[in-house]
Amino acid sequence: MRFFVLSIVTLSLLAACGNEESAPPSGGDLLAESYWADSAPAEAISVIAVHDQAESKDAIWVTGRVGEYPSGRAQFRLTDATYDACSDNEDDGCTTPWDYCCYSPDDLSRGTVIVEFRDAGGALQKASLTGFHGFDHLAHVAVRGRPEKDGAGNVILVAEALHVK
């Protein structure tokens, strides 16, 4: 009986420690590889500058740092690179520095945009960004997309390509 219990426990542990590379990313499938850009142009504009071009329908390259992003949704907040993450300030004890909680909401409104990867019908894709070519909180990225404003005046960048620096 003791051997039987030990065998079951061992098999359970082996199954739990399976090959991590074959496990699906949390939140669903990883973002499609077709969105990857091997490089980004040097003339990518800042997040703050996007607010001035939000009515343009032309695709633009925007650079910044990854803020918050939901699991299983191809969407994230892109913050202007001139904003220091809370973790960049030695005196700040913030446990989630990618939410830039050390800034007031008013300060953040002009320095952030929402990046969305949409399907052909315009719906937000159900895909994970976590680990996509090194994508993670506070990573420096460049995104090519078309800016638009939603009903509340928020700037959304409908993404066509992503490069993680």
C-alpha atoms as a PDB file:
ATOM      1  CA  MET A   1       0.000   0.000   0.000  1.00  0.00           C
ATOM      2  CA  ARG A   2       2.813   2.385   0.881  1.00  0.00           C
ATOM      3  CA  PHE A   3       4.439   1.734  -2.541  1.00  0.00           C
ATOM      4  CA  PHE A   4       1.112   2.416  -4.278  1.00  0.00           C
ATOM      5  CA  VAL A   5       0.643   5.792  -2.532  1.00  0.00           C
ATOM      6  CA  LEU A   6       4.261   6.764  -3.219  1.00  0.00           C
ATOM      7  CA  SER A   7       3.811   5.854  -6.905  1.00  0.00           C
ATOM      8  CA  ILE A   8       0.662   7.987  -7.192  1.00  0.00           C
ATOM      9  CA  VAL A   9       2.374  10.972  -5.542  1.00  0.00           C
ATOM     10  CA  THR A  10       5.427  10.601  -7.797  1.00  0.00           C
ATOM     11  CA  LEU A  11       3.308  10.395 -10.948  1.00  0.00           C
ATOM     12  CA  SER A  12       1.313  13.446  -9.849  1.00  0.00           C
ATOM     13  CA  LEU A  13       4.495  15.453  -9.292  1.00  0.00           C
ATOM     14  CA  LEU A  14       5.928  14.409 -12.654  1.00  0.00           C
ATOM     15  CA  ALA A  15       2.735  15.399 -14.423  1.00  0.00           C
ATOM     16  CA  ALA A  16       2.727  18.767 -12.653  1.00  0.00           C
ATOM     17  CA  CYS A  17       6.356  19.400 -13.623  1.00  0.00           C
ATOM     18  CA  GLY A  18       5.810  18.739 -17.314  1.00  0.00           C
ATOM     19  CA  ASN A  19       7.616  20.568 -20.080  1.00  0.00           C
ATOM     20  CA  GLU A  20       6.865  24.259 -19.566  1.00  0.00           C
ATOM     21  CA  GLU A  21       7.492  25.079 -23.230  1.00  0.00           C
ATOM     22  CA  SER A  22       4.584  22.914 -24.336  1.00  0.00           C
ATOM     23  CA  ALA A  23       2.174  24.465 -21.834  1.00  0.00           C
ATOM     24  CA  PRO A  24      -0.086  27.154 -23.302  1.00  0.00           C
ATOM     25  CA  PRO A  25       0.545  30.689 -22.075  1.00  0.00           C
ATOM     26  CA  SER A  26      -1.763  31.864 -19.310  1.00  0.00           C
ATOM     27  CA  GLY A  27      -4.897  33.471 -20.644  1.00  0.00           C
ATOM     28  CA  GLY A  28      -5.054  31.640 -23.977  1.00  0.00           C
ATOM     29  CA  ASP A  29      -3.029  31.464 -27.147  1.00  0.00           C
ATOM     30  CA  LEU A  30       0.006  33.669 -27.618  1.00  0.00           C
ATOM     31  CA  LEU A  31      -0.369  36.660 -29.937  1.00  0.00           C
ATOM     32  CA  ALA A  32       0.051  35.662 -33.592  1.00  0.00           C
ATOM     33  CA  GLU A  33       3.642  35.777 -34.840  1.00  0.00           C
ATOM     34  CA  SER A  34       2.489  37.905 -37.788  1.00  0.00           C
ATOM     35  CA  TYR A  35       2.386  40.888 -35.405  1.00  0.00           C
ATOM     36  CA  TRP A  36       6.118  40.664 -34.638  1.00  0.00           C
ATOM     37  CA  ALA A  37       8.356  43.361 -36.141  1.00  0.00           C
ATOM     38  CA  ASP A  38      12.062  42.521 -36.263  1.00  0.00           C
ATOM     39  CA  SER A  39      12.925  46.173 -35.794  1.00  0.00           C
ATOM     40  CA  ALA A  40      11.321  49.543 -35.229  1.00  0.00           C
ATOM     41  CA  PRO A  41      12.143  52.771 -37.026  1.00  0.00           C
ATOM     42  CA  ALA A  42      14.219  55.351 -35.196  1.00  0.00           C
ATOM     43  CA  GLU A  43      11.605  58.005 -35.971  1.00  0.00           C
ATOM     44  CA  ALA A  44       8.891  56.382 -33.820  1.00  0.00           C
ATOM     45  CA  ILE A  45       6.974  59.081 -31.966  1.00  0.00           C
ATOM     46  CA  SER A  46       6.291  59.384 -28.251  1.00  0.00           C
ATOM     47  CA  VAL A  47       3.027  58.446 -26.588  1.00  0.00           C
ATOM     48  CA  ILE A  48       2.424  62.110 -25.761  1.00  0.00           C
ATOM     49  CA  ALA A  49       2.729  63.014 -29.458  1.00  0.00           C
ATOM     50  CA  VAL A  50       0.074  60.415 -30.370  1.00  0.00           C
ATOM     51  CA  HIS A  51      -2.546  62.481 -28.567  1.00  0.00           C
ATOM     52  CA  ASP A  52      -1.979  65.237 -31.129  1.00  0.00           C
ATOM     53  CA  GLN A  53      -2.427  62.778 -34.008  1.00  0.00           C
ATOM     54  CA  ALA A  54      -5.354  60.804 -32.597  1.00  0.00           C
ATOM     55  CA  GLU A  55      -7.658  61.817 -35.438  1.00  0.00           C
ATOM     56  CA  SER A  56      -5.234  60.575 -38.096  1.00  0.00           C
ATOM     57  CA  LYS A  57      -6.111  57.341 -39.866  1.00  0.00           C
ATOM     58  CA  ASP A  58      -2.520  56.760 -40.991  1.00  0.00           C
ATOM     59  CA  ALA A  59      -0.442  54.052 -39.346  1.00  0.00           C
ATOM     60  CA  ILE A  60       2.296  55.444 -37.109  1.00  0.00           C
ATOM     61  CA  TRP A  61       5.086  53.976 -34.968  1.00  0.00           C
ATOM     62  CA  VAL A  62       4.878  54.821 -31.258  1.00  0.00           C
ATOM     63  CA  THR A  63       7.435  54.036 -28.577  1.00  0.00           C
ATOM     64  CA  GLY A  64       7.019  53.724 -24.816  1.00  0.00           C
ATOM     65  CA  ARG A  65       6.946  51.315 -21.886  1.00  0.00           C
ATOM     66  CA  VAL A  66       4.479  48.541 -21.193  1.00  0.00           C
ATOM     67  CA  GLY A  67       2.101  49.305 -18.357  1.00  0.00           C
ATOM     68  CA  GLU A  68      -0.794  47.189 -17.224  1.00  0.00           C
ATOM     69  CA  TYR A  69      -2.266  44.441 -19.363  1.00  0.00           C
ATOM     70  CA  PRO A  70      -5.039  41.917 -18.764  1.00  0.00           C
ATOM     71  CA  SER A  71      -4.453  38.197 -18.983  1.00  0.00           C
ATOM     72  CA  GLY A  72      -5.834  36.599 -22.128  1.00  0.00           C
ATOM     73  CA  ARG A  73      -6.597  39.859 -23.930  1.00  0.00           C
ATOM     74  CA  ALA A  74      -4.391  41.367 -26.622  1.00  0.00           C
ATOM     75  CA  GLN A  75      -4.417  44.815 -25.052  1.00  0.00           C
ATOM     76  CA  PHE A  76      -2.072  46.899 -22.900  1.00  0.00           C
ATOM     77  CA  ARG A  77      -1.433  50.387 -21.652  1.00  0.00           C
ATOM     78  CA  LEU A  78       1.562  52.060 -23.282  1.00  0.00           C
ATOM     79  CA  THR A  79       3.165  54.795 -21.182  1.00  0.00           C
ATOM     80  CA  ASP A  80       5.398  57.550 -22.474  1.00  0.00           C
ATOM     81  CA  ALA A  81       9.083  56.733 -21.947  1.00  0.00           C
ATOM     82  CA  THR A  82       9.659  60.073 -20.205  1.00  0.00           C
ATOM     83  CA  TYR A  83       7.565  58.846 -17.255  1.00  0.00           C
ATOM     84  CA  ASP A  84       9.571  57.039 -14.606  1.00  0.00           C
ATOM     85  CA  ALA A  85       8.034  53.809 -13.371  1.00  0.00           C
ATOM     86  CA  CYS A  86       7.468  53.905  -9.629  1.00  0.00           C
ATOM     87  CA  SER A  87      10.264  51.341  -9.240  1.00  0.00           C
ATOM     88  CA  ASP A  88      12.679  53.850 -10.810  1.00  0.00           C
ATOM     89  CA  ASN A  89      12.238  56.006  -7.697  1.00  0.00           C
ATOM     90  CA  GLU A  90      14.277  54.585  -4.812  1.00  0.00           C
ATOM     91  CA  ASP A  91      11.918  55.974  -2.164  1.00  0.00           C
ATOM     92  CA  ASP A  92       8.785  54.471  -3.685  1.00  0.00           C
ATOM     93  CA  GLY A  93       7.662  51.130  -2.268  1.00  0.00           C
ATOM     94  CA  CYS A  94       5.046  50.428  -4.934  1.00  0.00           C
ATOM     95  CA  THR A  95       4.570  46.691  -5.526  1.00  0.00           C
ATOM     96  CA  THR A  96       3.071  47.213  -9.005  1.00  0.00           C
ATOM     97  CA  PRO A  97       5.277  49.899 -10.573  1.00  0.00           C
ATOM     98  CA  TRP A  98       3.876  49.278 -14.069  1.00  0.00           C
ATOM     99  CA  ASP A  99       0.612  50.948 -13.041  1.00  0.00           C
ATOM    100  CA  TYR A 100       2.510  54.233 -12.506  1.00  0.00           C
ATOM    101  CA  CYS A 101       0.546  54.788  -9.285  1.00  0.00           C
ATOM    102  CA  CYS A 102       3.102  57.410  -8.225  1.00  0.00           C
ATOM    103  CA  TYR A 103       1.487  59.743 -10.804  1.00  0.00           C
ATOM    104  CA  SER A 104      -1.926  61.343 -10.537  1.00  0.00           C
ATOM    105  CA  PRO A 105      -4.584  60.172 -13.007  1.00  0.00           C
ATOM    106  CA  ASP A 106      -4.518  63.631 -14.606  1.00  0.00           C
ATOM    107  CA  ASP A 107      -0.753  63.383 -15.188  1.00  0.00           C
ATOM    108  CA  LEU A 108      -1.151  59.924 -16.708  1.00  0.00           C
ATOM    109  CA  SER A 109      -4.022  60.736 -19.050  1.00  0.00           C
ATOM    110  CA  ARG A 110      -1.811  62.583 -21.552  1.00  0.00           C
ATOM    111  CA  GLY A 111       1.117  60.166 -21.204  1.00  0.00           C
ATOM    112  CA  THR A 112      -0.683  56.905 -21.907  1.00  0.00           C
ATOM    113  CA  VAL A 113      -2.574  55.210 -24.723  1.00  0.00           C
ATOM    114  CA  ILE A 114      -4.334  51.871 -24.890  1.00  0.00           C
ATOM    115  CA  VAL A 115      -2.917  49.473 -27.471  1.00  0.00           C
ATOM    116  CA  GLU A 116      -5.324  46.897 -28.879  1.00  0.00           C
ATOM    117  CA  PHE A 117      -4.811  43.981 -31.244  1.00  0.00           C
ATOM    118  CA  ARG A 118      -8.127  43.389 -33.023  1.00  0.00           C
ATOM    119  CA  ASP A 119      -9.416  40.680 -35.314  1.00  0.00           C
ATOM    120  CA  ALA A 120     -10.671  41.301 -38.856  1.00  0.00           C
ATOM    121  CA  GLY A 121     -14.125  42.153 -37.479  1.00  0.00           C
ATOM    122  CA  GLY A 122     -12.720  44.796 -35.141  1.00  0.00           C
ATOM    123  CA  ALA A 123     -13.133  42.816 -31.910  1.00  0.00           C
ATOM    124  CA  LEU A 124     -10.368  42.668 -29.325  1.00  0.00           C
ATOM    125  CA  GLN A 125      -8.383  39.457 -29.768  1.00  0.00           C
ATOM    126  CA  LYS A 126      -8.355  36.851 -27.023  1.00  0.00           C
ATOM    127  CA  ALA A 127      -4.628  36.211 -27.017  1.00  0.00           C
ATOM    128  CA  SER A 128      -1.874  36.439 -24.451  1.00  0.00           C
ATOM    129  CA  LEU A 129       0.882  39.007 -24.782  1.00  0.00           C
ATOM    130  CA  THR A 130       2.881  37.641 -21.845  1.00  0.00           C
ATOM    131  CA  GLY A 131       6.239  36.408 -23.100  1.00  0.00           C
ATOM    132  CA  PHE A 132       5.683  37.438 -26.740  1.00  0.00           C
ATOM    133  CA  HIS A 133       9.326  38.083 -27.743  1.00  0.00           C
ATOM    134  CA  GLY A 134      10.092  39.263 -24.201  1.00  0.00           C
ATOM    135  CA  PHE A 135       6.914  41.309 -23.705  1.00  0.00           C
ATOM    136  CA  ASP A 136       6.394  42.077 -20.015  1.00  0.00           C
ATOM    137  CA  HIS A 137       5.603  44.930 -17.648  1.00  0.00           C
ATOM    138  CA  LEU A 138       7.875  47.968 -18.102  1.00  0.00           C
ATOM    139  CA  ALA A 139       9.500  46.594 -21.270  1.00  0.00           C
ATOM    140  CA  HIS A 140      10.437  49.216 -23.841  1.00  0.00           C
ATOM    141  CA  VAL A 141       8.416  48.596 -26.995  1.00  0.00           C
ATOM    142  CA  ALA A 142       7.507  50.165 -30.305  1.00  0.00           C
ATOM    143  CA  VAL A 143       4.056  49.661 -31.799  1.00  0.00           C
ATOM    144  CA  ARG A 144       2.811  50.406 -35.299  1.00  0.00           C
ATOM    145  CA  GLY A 145      -0.875  51.178 -35.382  1.00  0.00           C
ATOM    146  CA  ARG A 146      -3.686  53.510 -36.278  1.00  0.00           C
ATOM    147  CA  PRO A 147      -4.762  55.936 -33.547  1.00  0.00           C
ATOM    148  CA  GLU A 148      -8.392  56.597 -32.727  1.00  0.00           C
ATOM    149  CA  LYS A 149     -10.422  58.052 -29.872  1.00  0.00           C
ATOM    150  CA  ASP A 150     -13.204  56.265 -28.054  1.00  0.00           C
ATOM    151  CA  GLY A 151     -16.415  57.917 -26.824  1.00  0.00           C
ATOM    152  CA  ALA A 152     -14.747  58.988 -23.573  1.00  0.00           C
ATOM    153  CA  GLY A 153     -11.847  60.676 -25.398  1.00  0.00           C
ATOM    154  CA  ASN A 154      -9.270  57.965 -24.623  1.00  0.00           C
ATOM    155  CA  VAL A 155      -6.668  57.395 -27.305  1.00  0.00           C
ATOM    156  CA  ILE A 156      -6.507  53.840 -28.599  1.00  0.00           C
ATOM    157  CA  LEU A 157      -3.789  52.589 -30.908  1.00  0.00           C
ATOM    158  CA  VAL A 158      -5.140  49.757 -33.052  1.00  0.00           C
ATOM    159  CA  ALA A 159      -1.974  47.724 -33.434  1.00  0.00           C
ATOM    160  CA  GLU A 160      -0.563  46.228 -36.611  1.00  0.00           C
ATOM    161  CA  ALA A 161       2.951  45.379 -35.386  1.00  0.00           C
ATOM    162  CA  LEU A 162       4.925  45.118 -32.149  1.00  0.00           C
ATOM    163  CA  HIS A 163       8.642  45.258 -31.451  1.00  0.00           C
ATOM    164  CA  VAL A 164      10.067  44.596 -27.981  1.00  0.00           C
ATOM    165  CA  LYS A 165      13.384  46.403 -27.548  1.00  0.00           C
END
